[in-house]
């Protein structure tokens, strides 16, 4: 499996993969145009030319970035895909000299295994004011805030 930057050719697959989980209320949907605008933030897991996972890293400050949009193929699950994507995104954050990465997740055990710790949403004010305030779950968020210190 190869973790590589996402390309325009990957957009339909990424949107479809995320839509599968969004339909179950597990993720928020991403539009084609929204994904195209943030494409440089995404990586994909490529297995023999097939996209089997995706994830993104968005910088929020000079020291902090969010891991977001993490999804694996519901049609072709490959063990270790999510971990490989998160590890690649953590390495990208480290190479950018960031001090912390965070994620909002419904799967805290997955992130805990990777060294993340649980924090209150109030520890992430830049996320709350930029994105959460426009989220349909705002005020009734069921996602767990997780942070990994990179230093």
N, C-alpha and C. Protein backbone atom coordinates (compact mmCIF):
# COMPACT_ATOMS: atom_id res chain seq x y z
N UNK A 1 0.84 -1.17 0.00
CA UNK A 1 0.00 0.00 0.00
C UNK A 1 0.89 1.24 0.00
N UNK A 2 0.52 2.21 -0.82
CA UNK A 2 1.27 3.44 -0.96
C UNK A 2 0.40 4.60 -0.49
N UNK A 3 0.90 5.40 0.44
CA UNK A 3 0.20 6.62 0.86
C UNK A 3 0.80 7.75 0.03
N UNK A 4 -0.06 8.44 -0.72
CA UNK A 4 0.42 9.48 -1.63
C UNK A 4 -0.53 10.68 -1.59
N UNK A 5 -0.07 11.83 -2.08
CA UNK A 5 -0.98 12.98 -2.16
C UNK A 5 -2.15 12.67 -3.09
N UNK A 6 -3.32 13.16 -2.72
CA UNK A 6 -4.50 12.98 -3.57
C UNK A 6 -4.37 13.84 -4.82
N UNK A 7 -4.96 13.37 -5.91
CA UNK A 7 -4.97 14.11 -7.17
C UNK A 7 -6.42 14.34 -7.59
N UNK A 8 -6.59 15.17 -8.61
CA UNK A 8 -7.94 15.44 -9.12
C UNK A 8 -8.63 14.15 -9.58
N UNK A 9 -7.85 13.21 -10.07
CA UNK A 9 -8.42 11.93 -10.51
C UNK A 9 -9.01 11.13 -9.35
N UNK A 10 -8.64 11.46 -8.12
CA UNK A 10 -9.12 10.73 -6.94
C UNK A 10 -10.40 11.32 -6.34
N UNK A 11 -10.80 12.51 -6.78
CA UNK A 11 -11.90 13.22 -6.12
C UNK A 11 -13.18 12.40 -6.07
N UNK A 12 -13.62 11.83 -7.19
CA UNK A 12 -14.88 11.06 -7.19
C UNK A 12 -14.83 9.92 -6.18
N UNK A 13 -13.72 9.22 -6.12
CA UNK A 13 -13.59 8.09 -5.20
C UNK A 13 -13.62 8.56 -3.75
N UNK A 14 -12.92 9.65 -3.46
CA UNK A 14 -12.90 10.18 -2.09
C UNK A 14 -14.29 10.63 -1.68
N UNK A 15 -14.96 11.40 -2.53
CA UNK A 15 -16.31 11.88 -2.22
C UNK A 15 -17.25 10.71 -1.98
N UNK A 16 -17.16 9.70 -2.82
CA UNK A 16 -18.01 8.51 -2.68
C UNK A 16 -17.73 7.77 -1.38
N UNK A 17 -16.46 7.62 -1.04
CA UNK A 17 -16.08 6.92 0.18
C UNK A 17 -16.62 7.66 1.41
N UNK A 18 -16.43 8.97 1.43
CA UNK A 18 -16.91 9.78 2.55
C UNK A 18 -18.44 9.77 2.59
N UNK A 19 -19.09 9.83 1.43
CA UNK A 19 -20.56 9.83 1.38
C UNK A 19 -21.14 8.55 1.98
N UNK A 20 -20.46 7.44 1.80
CA UNK A 20 -20.91 6.17 2.39
C UNK A 20 -21.04 6.31 3.90
N UNK A 21 -20.02 6.89 4.53
CA UNK A 21 -20.03 7.04 5.99
C UNK A 21 -20.92 8.20 6.43
N UNK A 22 -21.01 9.25 5.61
CA UNK A 22 -21.89 10.38 5.93
C UNK A 22 -23.35 9.93 5.96
N UNK A 23 -23.72 9.01 5.07
CA UNK A 23 -25.10 8.50 5.04
C UNK A 23 -25.45 7.76 6.33
N UNK A 24 -24.44 7.27 7.02
CA UNK A 24 -24.65 6.57 8.29
C UNK A 24 -24.51 7.51 9.49
N UNK A 25 -24.24 8.79 9.24
CA UNK A 25 -24.07 9.76 10.31
C UNK A 25 -22.72 9.68 11.00
N UNK A 26 -21.78 8.97 10.39
CA UNK A 26 -20.46 8.78 10.98
C UNK A 26 -19.51 9.92 10.62
N UNK A 27 -19.71 10.50 9.45
CA UNK A 27 -18.87 11.60 8.98
C UNK A 27 -19.77 12.67 8.40
N UNK A 28 -19.22 13.86 8.23
CA UNK A 28 -19.92 14.91 7.50
C UNK A 28 -19.59 14.75 6.02
N UNK A 29 -20.56 15.01 5.15
CA UNK A 29 -20.29 14.86 3.71
C UNK A 29 -19.32 15.92 3.20
N UNK A 30 -18.69 15.62 2.10
CA UNK A 30 -17.81 16.56 1.40
C UNK A 30 -18.32 16.68 -0.03
N UNK A 31 -18.43 17.90 -0.52
CA UNK A 31 -18.85 18.11 -1.90
C UNK A 31 -17.64 17.98 -2.82
N UNK A 32 -17.92 17.77 -4.11
CA UNK A 32 -16.83 17.71 -5.08
C UNK A 32 -16.04 19.02 -5.07
N UNK A 33 -16.77 20.15 -5.07
CA UNK A 33 -16.09 21.44 -5.12
C UNK A 33 -15.31 21.72 -3.84
N UNK A 34 -15.90 21.37 -2.70
CA UNK A 34 -15.20 21.56 -1.42
C UNK A 34 -13.95 20.72 -1.34
N UNK A 35 -14.05 19.50 -1.83
CA UNK A 35 -12.89 18.62 -1.80
C UNK A 35 -11.81 19.12 -2.76
N UNK A 36 -12.24 19.59 -3.93
CA UNK A 36 -11.28 20.11 -4.91
C UNK A 36 -10.52 21.31 -4.33
N UNK A 37 -11.21 22.16 -3.57
CA UNK A 37 -10.58 23.33 -2.97
C UNK A 37 -9.53 22.95 -1.93
N UNK A 38 -9.76 21.85 -1.22
CA UNK A 38 -8.83 21.44 -0.16
C UNK A 38 -8.02 20.20 -0.54
N UNK A 39 -7.96 19.90 -1.83
CA UNK A 39 -7.31 18.67 -2.30
C UNK A 39 -5.86 18.56 -1.85
N UNK A 40 -5.16 19.68 -1.77
CA UNK A 40 -3.74 19.63 -1.38
C UNK A 40 -3.56 19.16 0.06
N UNK A 41 -4.63 19.18 0.85
CA UNK A 41 -4.57 18.70 2.24
C UNK A 41 -4.72 17.19 2.35
N UNK A 42 -5.19 16.54 1.29
CA UNK A 42 -5.55 15.12 1.34
C UNK A 42 -4.43 14.20 0.88
N UNK A 43 -4.41 13.03 1.49
CA UNK A 43 -3.61 11.90 1.00
C UNK A 43 -4.57 10.74 0.78
N UNK A 44 -4.13 9.80 -0.04
CA UNK A 44 -4.92 8.58 -0.26
C UNK A 44 -4.03 7.36 -0.06
N UNK A 45 -4.67 6.27 0.30
CA UNK A 45 -4.00 4.97 0.37
C UNK A 45 -4.30 4.28 -0.95
N UNK A 46 -3.26 4.01 -1.71
CA UNK A 46 -3.38 3.43 -3.04
C UNK A 46 -2.84 2.00 -2.98
N UNK A 47 -3.70 1.05 -3.30
CA UNK A 47 -3.30 -0.36 -3.32
C UNK A 47 -3.50 -0.88 -4.73
N UNK A 48 -2.40 -1.07 -5.42
CA UNK A 48 -2.44 -1.58 -6.80
C UNK A 48 -3.36 -0.75 -7.69
N UNK A 49 -3.28 0.58 -7.54
CA UNK A 49 -4.07 1.47 -8.39
C UNK A 49 -5.48 1.73 -7.90
N UNK A 50 -5.88 1.12 -6.80
CA UNK A 50 -7.22 1.34 -6.23
C UNK A 50 -7.09 2.15 -4.95
N UNK A 51 -7.94 3.15 -4.81
CA UNK A 51 -7.95 3.97 -3.60
C UNK A 51 -8.71 3.20 -2.52
N UNK A 52 -8.03 2.90 -1.41
CA UNK A 52 -8.65 2.13 -0.33
C UNK A 52 -8.78 2.95 0.96
N UNK A 53 -8.42 4.23 0.89
CA UNK A 53 -8.57 5.09 2.06
C UNK A 53 -8.15 6.51 1.74
N UNK A 54 -8.55 7.43 2.62
CA UNK A 54 -8.19 8.83 2.45
C UNK A 54 -8.16 9.51 3.81
N UNK A 55 -7.53 10.65 3.84
CA UNK A 55 -7.49 11.47 5.04
C UNK A 55 -6.84 12.79 4.71
N UNK A 56 -7.08 13.78 5.57
CA UNK A 56 -6.53 15.10 5.32
C UNK A 56 -5.87 15.69 6.54
N UNK A 57 -5.05 16.70 6.30
CA UNK A 57 -4.37 17.44 7.36
C UNK A 57 -4.53 18.91 7.04
N UNK A 58 -5.23 19.63 7.93
CA UNK A 58 -5.43 21.07 7.73
C UNK A 58 -4.78 21.82 8.87
N UNK A 59 -3.90 22.75 8.51
CA UNK A 59 -3.21 23.54 9.52
C UNK A 59 -4.14 24.63 10.05
N UNK A 60 -4.21 24.75 11.37
CA UNK A 60 -5.05 25.75 12.02
C UNK A 60 -4.25 26.89 12.61
N UNK A 61 -3.01 26.66 12.94
CA UNK A 61 -2.15 27.70 13.50
C UNK A 61 -0.71 27.34 13.16
N UNK A 62 0.22 28.14 13.63
CA UNK A 62 1.62 27.84 13.35
C UNK A 62 2.10 26.58 14.05
N UNK A 63 1.29 26.07 15.00
CA UNK A 63 1.73 24.89 15.74
C UNK A 63 0.76 23.72 15.70
N UNK A 64 -0.43 23.91 15.13
CA UNK A 64 -1.48 22.91 15.25
C UNK A 64 -2.17 22.63 13.92
N UNK A 65 -2.49 21.35 13.69
CA UNK A 65 -3.25 20.95 12.50
C UNK A 65 -4.26 19.87 12.89
N UNK A 66 -5.30 19.76 12.07
CA UNK A 66 -6.33 18.74 12.29
C UNK A 66 -6.19 17.62 11.28
N UNK A 67 -6.30 16.40 11.77
CA UNK A 67 -6.47 15.24 10.89
C UNK A 67 -7.97 15.10 10.69
N UNK A 68 -8.41 15.09 9.45
CA UNK A 68 -9.85 15.08 9.17
C UNK A 68 -10.14 14.19 7.96
N UNK A 69 -11.41 13.91 7.76
CA UNK A 69 -11.83 13.18 6.57
C UNK A 69 -11.23 11.80 6.44
N UNK A 70 -10.93 11.16 7.56
CA UNK A 70 -10.31 9.83 7.52
C UNK A 70 -11.38 8.79 7.21
N UNK A 71 -11.18 8.09 6.11
CA UNK A 71 -12.14 7.06 5.69
C UNK A 71 -11.40 5.94 4.98
N UNK A 72 -11.94 4.75 5.12
CA UNK A 72 -11.41 3.60 4.39
C UNK A 72 -12.50 3.03 3.50
N UNK A 73 -12.09 2.36 2.47
CA UNK A 73 -13.04 1.82 1.50
C UNK A 73 -13.99 0.82 2.13
N UNK A 74 -15.30 1.08 2.04
CA UNK A 74 -16.24 0.09 2.56
C UNK A 74 -16.32 -1.14 1.67
N UNK A 75 -15.90 -1.00 0.42
CA UNK A 75 -15.98 -2.10 -0.55
C UNK A 75 -14.75 -3.00 -0.54
N UNK A 76 -13.63 -2.43 -0.14
CA UNK A 76 -12.38 -3.19 -0.16
C UNK A 76 -11.56 -2.86 1.09
N UNK A 77 -12.06 -3.28 2.26
CA UNK A 77 -11.31 -2.95 3.48
C UNK A 77 -9.97 -3.67 3.54
N UNK A 78 -8.95 -2.92 3.87
CA UNK A 78 -7.60 -3.46 3.99
C UNK A 78 -7.09 -3.11 5.38
N UNK A 79 -6.80 -4.12 6.16
CA UNK A 79 -6.35 -3.91 7.54
C UNK A 79 -5.11 -3.01 7.58
N UNK A 80 -5.14 -2.04 8.46
CA UNK A 80 -4.01 -1.14 8.63
C UNK A 80 -4.06 0.12 7.79
N UNK A 81 -5.09 0.26 6.96
CA UNK A 81 -5.18 1.42 6.07
C UNK A 81 -5.30 2.72 6.87
N UNK A 82 -6.23 2.76 7.82
CA UNK A 82 -6.42 3.98 8.60
C UNK A 82 -5.17 4.37 9.36
N UNK A 83 -4.52 3.40 9.97
CA UNK A 83 -3.28 3.67 10.72
C UNK A 83 -2.19 4.20 9.79
N UNK A 84 -2.07 3.63 8.61
CA UNK A 84 -1.04 4.07 7.67
C UNK A 84 -1.29 5.52 7.23
N UNK A 85 -2.55 5.86 7.02
CA UNK A 85 -2.88 7.23 6.62
C UNK A 85 -2.56 8.19 7.76
N UNK A 86 -3.00 7.87 8.98
CA UNK A 86 -2.74 8.74 10.12
C UNK A 86 -1.24 8.89 10.35
N UNK A 87 -0.49 7.82 10.26
CA UNK A 87 0.97 7.91 10.43
C UNK A 87 1.59 8.84 9.39
N UNK A 88 1.12 8.76 8.14
CA UNK A 88 1.64 9.64 7.09
C UNK A 88 1.29 11.10 7.38
N UNK A 89 0.08 11.34 7.88
CA UNK A 89 -0.34 12.71 8.19
C UNK A 89 0.43 13.25 9.40
N UNK A 90 0.70 12.41 10.38
CA UNK A 90 1.52 12.82 11.52
C UNK A 90 2.92 13.18 11.05
N UNK A 91 3.48 12.39 10.17
CA UNK A 91 4.82 12.68 9.64
C UNK A 91 4.82 14.00 8.86
N UNK A 92 3.75 14.24 8.11
CA UNK A 92 3.62 15.51 7.37
C UNK A 92 3.59 16.68 8.36
N UNK A 93 2.86 16.52 9.46
CA UNK A 93 2.79 17.57 10.49
C UNK A 93 4.16 17.78 11.12
N UNK A 94 4.84 16.70 11.41
CA UNK A 94 6.19 16.81 12.01
C UNK A 94 7.15 17.52 11.05
N UNK A 95 7.07 17.17 9.78
CA UNK A 95 7.98 17.80 8.81
C UNK A 95 7.67 19.29 8.64
N UNK A 96 6.45 19.69 8.99
CA UNK A 96 6.08 21.10 8.98
C UNK A 96 6.35 21.79 10.31
N UNK A 97 7.06 21.09 11.20
CA UNK A 97 7.43 21.61 12.52
C UNK A 97 6.23 21.98 13.38
N UNK A 98 5.15 21.24 13.24
CA UNK A 98 3.97 21.48 14.08
C UNK A 98 4.16 20.79 15.42
N UNK A 99 3.53 21.32 16.45
CA UNK A 99 3.67 20.77 17.80
C UNK A 99 2.54 19.82 18.17
N UNK A 100 1.38 19.98 17.52
CA UNK A 100 0.20 19.18 17.88
C UNK A 100 -0.63 18.87 16.64
N UNK A 101 -1.25 17.71 16.64
CA UNK A 101 -2.32 17.41 15.69
C UNK A 101 -3.53 16.99 16.52
N UNK A 102 -4.71 17.27 15.99
CA UNK A 102 -5.92 16.88 16.68
C UNK A 102 -6.90 16.26 15.71
N UNK A 103 -7.88 15.58 16.26
CA UNK A 103 -8.94 14.98 15.47
C UNK A 103 -10.22 15.02 16.29
N UNK A 104 -11.33 15.19 15.61
CA UNK A 104 -12.64 14.99 16.22
C UNK A 104 -13.14 13.68 15.66
N UNK A 105 -13.52 12.76 16.53
CA UNK A 105 -13.77 11.39 16.08
C UNK A 105 -14.88 10.70 16.85
N UNK A 106 -15.46 9.72 16.22
CA UNK A 106 -16.39 8.81 16.89
C UNK A 106 -15.68 7.50 17.22
N UNK A 107 -14.39 7.43 16.91
CA UNK A 107 -13.59 6.22 17.17
C UNK A 107 -12.37 6.57 18.03
N UNK A 108 -12.60 6.99 19.28
CA UNK A 108 -11.47 7.41 20.10
C UNK A 108 -10.46 6.31 20.39
N UNK A 109 -10.89 5.07 20.48
CA UNK A 109 -9.95 3.97 20.77
C UNK A 109 -8.90 3.85 19.67
N UNK A 110 -9.30 4.07 18.42
CA UNK A 110 -8.36 4.02 17.30
C UNK A 110 -7.25 5.05 17.51
N UNK A 111 -7.63 6.28 17.83
CA UNK A 111 -6.64 7.34 18.00
C UNK A 111 -5.84 7.16 19.28
N UNK A 112 -6.45 6.64 20.34
CA UNK A 112 -5.71 6.37 21.58
C UNK A 112 -4.57 5.38 21.32
N UNK A 113 -4.81 4.37 20.50
CA UNK A 113 -3.77 3.40 20.16
C UNK A 113 -2.59 4.06 19.45
N UNK A 114 -2.86 5.21 18.83
CA UNK A 114 -1.81 5.92 18.10
C UNK A 114 -1.18 7.02 18.94
N UNK A 115 -1.53 7.07 20.23
CA UNK A 115 -0.90 8.01 21.14
C UNK A 115 -1.68 9.28 21.43
N UNK A 116 -2.86 9.43 20.84
CA UNK A 116 -3.67 10.62 21.08
C UNK A 116 -4.30 10.54 22.47
N UNK A 117 -4.58 11.71 23.04
CA UNK A 117 -5.29 11.78 24.32
C UNK A 117 -6.57 12.59 24.13
N UNK A 118 -7.55 12.30 24.97
CA UNK A 118 -8.83 13.00 24.91
C UNK A 118 -8.71 14.37 25.57
N UNK A 119 -9.32 15.37 24.94
CA UNK A 119 -9.39 16.72 25.50
C UNK A 119 -10.82 17.25 25.33
N UNK A 120 -11.13 18.31 26.02
CA UNK A 120 -12.41 18.98 25.84
C UNK A 120 -12.38 19.78 24.54
N UNK A 121 -13.54 19.97 23.93
CA UNK A 121 -13.60 20.78 22.71
C UNK A 121 -13.09 22.19 22.96
N UNK A 122 -13.21 22.67 24.19
CA UNK A 122 -12.75 24.02 24.52
C UNK A 122 -11.23 24.17 24.37
N UNK A 123 -10.50 23.06 24.29
CA UNK A 123 -9.06 23.11 24.04
C UNK A 123 -8.75 23.39 22.57
N UNK A 124 -9.79 23.40 21.74
CA UNK A 124 -9.61 23.59 20.30
C UNK A 124 -10.45 24.77 19.81
N UNK A 125 -10.28 25.96 20.38
CA UNK A 125 -11.16 27.08 20.01
C UNK A 125 -11.07 27.44 18.53
N UNK A 126 -9.89 27.28 17.91
CA UNK A 126 -9.76 27.62 16.49
C UNK A 126 -10.65 26.71 15.64
N UNK A 127 -10.80 25.45 16.02
CA UNK A 127 -11.66 24.52 15.30
C UNK A 127 -13.12 24.88 15.53
N UNK A 128 -13.47 25.13 16.79
CA UNK A 128 -14.87 25.43 17.13
C UNK A 128 -15.34 26.66 16.37
N UNK A 129 -14.55 27.72 16.35
CA UNK A 129 -14.99 28.96 15.72
C UNK A 129 -14.88 28.92 14.20
N UNK A 130 -14.02 28.12 13.66
CA UNK A 130 -13.89 28.06 12.19
C UNK A 130 -14.90 27.11 11.57
N UNK A 131 -15.05 25.92 12.12
CA UNK A 131 -15.86 24.88 11.48
C UNK A 131 -17.07 24.46 12.29
N UNK A 132 -16.88 24.22 13.56
CA UNK A 132 -17.95 23.63 14.37
C UNK A 132 -19.20 24.50 14.41
N UNK A 133 -19.01 25.80 14.42
CA UNK A 133 -20.14 26.70 14.54
C UNK A 133 -21.11 26.57 13.36
N UNK A 134 -20.61 26.10 12.21
CA UNK A 134 -21.46 25.91 11.03
C UNK A 134 -21.92 24.47 10.86
N UNK A 135 -21.54 23.60 11.79
CA UNK A 135 -21.86 22.17 11.69
C UNK A 135 -23.29 21.90 12.14
N UNK A 136 -23.99 20.98 11.47
CA UNK A 136 -25.34 20.64 11.91
C UNK A 136 -25.38 19.99 13.30
N UNK A 137 -24.25 19.49 13.77
CA UNK A 137 -24.19 18.89 15.10
C UNK A 137 -23.83 19.90 16.19
N UNK A 138 -23.63 21.17 15.81
CA UNK A 138 -23.19 22.17 16.77
C UNK A 138 -24.19 22.25 17.93
N UNK A 139 -23.66 22.23 19.14
CA UNK A 139 -24.49 22.27 20.33
C UNK A 139 -24.91 20.89 20.80
N UNK A 140 -24.74 19.90 19.93
CA UNK A 140 -25.10 18.52 20.27
C UNK A 140 -24.06 17.57 19.66
N UNK A 141 -22.80 17.96 19.75
CA UNK A 141 -21.72 17.21 19.11
C UNK A 141 -21.47 15.89 19.84
N UNK A 142 -21.39 14.83 19.06
CA UNK A 142 -21.12 13.51 19.64
C UNK A 142 -19.68 13.06 19.39
N UNK A 143 -18.88 13.93 18.77
CA UNK A 143 -17.51 13.57 18.46
C UNK A 143 -16.59 13.86 19.65
N UNK A 144 -15.56 13.04 19.78
CA UNK A 144 -14.58 13.16 20.85
C UNK A 144 -13.37 13.91 20.31
N UNK A 145 -12.91 14.92 21.04
CA UNK A 145 -11.71 15.67 20.65
C UNK A 145 -10.48 14.93 21.17
N UNK A 146 -9.53 14.70 20.27
CA UNK A 146 -8.30 13.97 20.60
C UNK A 146 -7.11 14.80 20.12
N UNK A 147 -6.03 14.80 20.90
CA UNK A 147 -4.83 15.56 20.56
C UNK A 147 -3.61 14.66 20.70
N UNK A 148 -2.66 14.85 19.79
CA UNK A 148 -1.36 14.18 19.87
C UNK A 148 -0.29 15.27 19.92
N UNK A 149 0.52 15.24 20.96
CA UNK A 149 1.65 16.17 21.07
C UNK A 149 2.82 15.57 20.31
N UNK A 150 3.39 16.35 19.40
CA UNK A 150 4.45 15.84 18.53
C UNK A 150 5.85 16.09 19.07
N UNK A 151 5.98 16.87 20.10
CA UNK A 151 7.32 17.17 20.65
C UNK A 151 7.80 16.09 21.57
